[in-house]
Amino acid sequence: MDFLSKFFGPPLPSITPQALSEKLKDAKRPLVLDVREPEEYREGHIAGAKLMPLGELLGKMKSLPKDKEIVCVCASGSRSHSASKMLLNEGYNVINMSGGMFTWQRARLPVKKGSAA
């Protein structure tokens, strides 16, 4: 274990928007957890993403599956990084999408508009 891992824990797994887009085509697709605010989500999100704002994550995390891969997403990758660390510390199989919805949209990947169903 290196010096930084002793203080900050293991490195947080991350995935690019392009790699996530490919994973979402698989039968065993991960749960996409969007940790932005509802108004941000309505402006554009990944189809099928579950909305759970970062401020609500601690109180609602028990409703998330521990037996399924979870990919956290936000606008830029910062809030999703925090959410991923929280979930990782609770034993979830979690990955952070680097760059957030900004890089998802920059890569011209599909975006769904509207509120969560």
Protein backbone atom coordinates (compact mmCIF):
# COMPACT_ATOMS: atom_id res chain seq x y z
CA MET A 1 0.00 0.00 0.00
CA ASP A 2 1.49 3.34 -0.98
CA PHE A 3 1.68 6.42 1.19
CA LEU A 4 -1.46 8.14 -0.15
CA SER A 5 -3.59 4.97 0.03
CA LYS A 6 -2.87 4.76 3.75
CA PHE A 7 -4.53 8.14 4.26
CA PHE A 8 -7.14 8.31 1.51
CA GLY A 9 -8.05 4.67 0.90
CA PRO A 10 -7.88 2.82 -2.39
CA PRO A 11 -8.16 4.76 -5.65
CA LEU A 12 -11.71 5.32 -6.83
CA PRO A 13 -12.61 3.38 -10.01
CA SER A 14 -13.72 5.62 -12.87
CA ILE A 15 -15.17 5.18 -16.34
CA THR A 16 -15.32 7.42 -19.40
CA PRO A 17 -18.67 8.41 -20.89
CA GLN A 18 -17.86 6.40 -24.03
CA ALA A 19 -17.09 3.25 -22.02
CA LEU A 20 -20.29 3.70 -19.99
CA SER A 21 -22.28 4.09 -23.20
CA GLU A 22 -20.95 0.71 -24.33
CA LYS A 23 -21.69 -0.92 -20.94
CA LEU A 24 -25.29 0.29 -21.16
CA LYS A 25 -25.75 -1.84 -24.29
CA ASP A 26 -25.01 -5.04 -22.31
CA ALA A 27 -27.74 -7.20 -20.81
CA LYS A 28 -26.02 -6.81 -17.43
CA ARG A 29 -26.13 -3.02 -17.54
CA PRO A 30 -25.07 -1.02 -14.48
CA LEU A 31 -27.39 1.21 -12.49
CA VAL A 32 -26.68 4.83 -13.47
CA LEU A 33 -27.12 7.00 -10.39
CA ASP A 34 -27.49 10.70 -11.20
CA VAL A 35 -26.61 12.72 -8.09
CA ARG A 36 -27.46 16.17 -9.48
CA GLU A 37 -30.46 18.28 -8.50
CA PRO A 38 -33.88 17.63 -10.09
CA GLU A 39 -33.74 20.73 -12.30
CA GLU A 40 -30.34 19.68 -13.69
CA TYR A 41 -31.68 16.18 -14.31
CA ARG A 42 -34.71 17.56 -16.20
CA GLU A 43 -32.41 19.57 -18.49
CA GLY A 44 -30.77 16.35 -19.70
CA HIS A 45 -29.76 12.98 -18.28
CA ILE A 46 -28.69 9.51 -19.34
CA ALA A 47 -31.76 7.43 -20.28
CA GLY A 48 -32.69 5.10 -17.44
CA ALA A 49 -30.65 7.00 -14.84
CA LYS A 50 -31.99 7.00 -11.28
CA LEU A 51 -32.11 10.48 -9.74
CA MET A 52 -30.82 10.71 -6.17
CA PRO A 53 -29.36 14.14 -5.35
CA LEU A 54 -26.11 14.02 -3.41
CA GLY A 55 -27.75 15.71 -0.39
CA GLU A 56 -30.24 12.83 -0.15
CA LEU A 57 -27.79 9.98 -0.73
CA LEU A 58 -27.02 9.15 2.90
CA GLY A 59 -30.68 8.83 3.79
CA LYS A 60 -31.62 6.83 0.70
CA MET A 61 -28.55 4.73 -0.03
CA LYS A 62 -30.03 1.60 1.56
CA SER A 63 -32.55 1.48 -1.32
CA LEU A 64 -29.66 0.88 -3.76
CA PRO A 65 -28.63 -2.65 -4.74
CA LYS A 66 -25.36 -3.97 -3.37
CA ASP A 67 -25.27 -6.80 -5.90
CA LYS A 68 -25.23 -4.54 -8.97
CA GLU A 69 -22.59 -2.22 -10.38
CA ILE A 70 -23.50 1.45 -9.81
CA VAL A 71 -22.10 4.28 -11.93
CA CYS A 72 -22.40 7.72 -10.32
CA VAL A 73 -22.93 10.73 -12.60
CA CYS A 74 -23.19 14.49 -12.03
CA ALA A 75 -22.51 17.61 -14.09
CA SER A 76 -18.70 17.64 -14.00
CA GLY A 77 -17.62 14.58 -12.02
CA SER A 78 -17.12 16.30 -8.67
CA ARG A 79 -20.37 15.45 -6.85
CA SER A 80 -20.38 11.98 -8.37
CA HIS A 81 -16.85 11.48 -7.06
CA SER A 82 -18.07 12.32 -3.54
CA ALA A 83 -21.10 10.03 -3.96
CA SER A 84 -18.89 7.21 -5.26
CA LYS A 85 -16.59 7.49 -2.24
CA MET A 86 -19.57 7.40 0.14
CA LEU A 87 -20.99 4.31 -1.56
CA LEU A 88 -17.59 2.60 -1.80
CA ASN A 89 -17.12 3.09 1.95
CA GLU A 90 -20.46 1.33 2.53
CA GLY A 91 -19.50 -1.69 0.43
CA TYR A 92 -21.22 -0.87 -2.87
CA ASN A 93 -19.75 -1.85 -6.24
CA VAL A 94 -19.38 1.69 -7.58
CA ILE A 95 -17.64 3.57 -10.38
CA ASN A 96 -17.47 7.33 -10.98
CA MET A 97 -18.12 8.63 -14.50
CA SER A 98 -15.26 11.02 -15.14
CA GLY A 99 -16.13 14.43 -16.55
CA GLY A 100 -19.85 14.11 -15.82
CA MET A 101 -22.66 15.10 -18.16
CA PHE A 102 -20.45 17.83 -19.67
CA THR A 103 -18.18 15.20 -21.24
CA TRP A 104 -21.12 12.89 -21.99
CA GLN A 105 -22.74 15.65 -24.06
CA ARG A 106 -19.42 16.75 -25.59
CA ALA A 107 -19.04 13.16 -26.84
CA ARG A 108 -22.47 13.57 -28.51
CA LEU A 109 -23.95 10.68 -26.53
CA PRO A 110 -27.76 10.54 -26.21
CA VAL A 111 -29.46 12.71 -23.59
CA LYS A 112 -33.02 12.36 -22.37
CA LYS A 113 -34.89 15.47 -21.22
CA GLY A 114 -37.67 15.63 -18.64
CA SER A 115 -38.23 14.49 -15.08
CA ALA A 116 -37.79 11.05 -13.60
CA ALA A 117 -40.66 8.63 -14.07
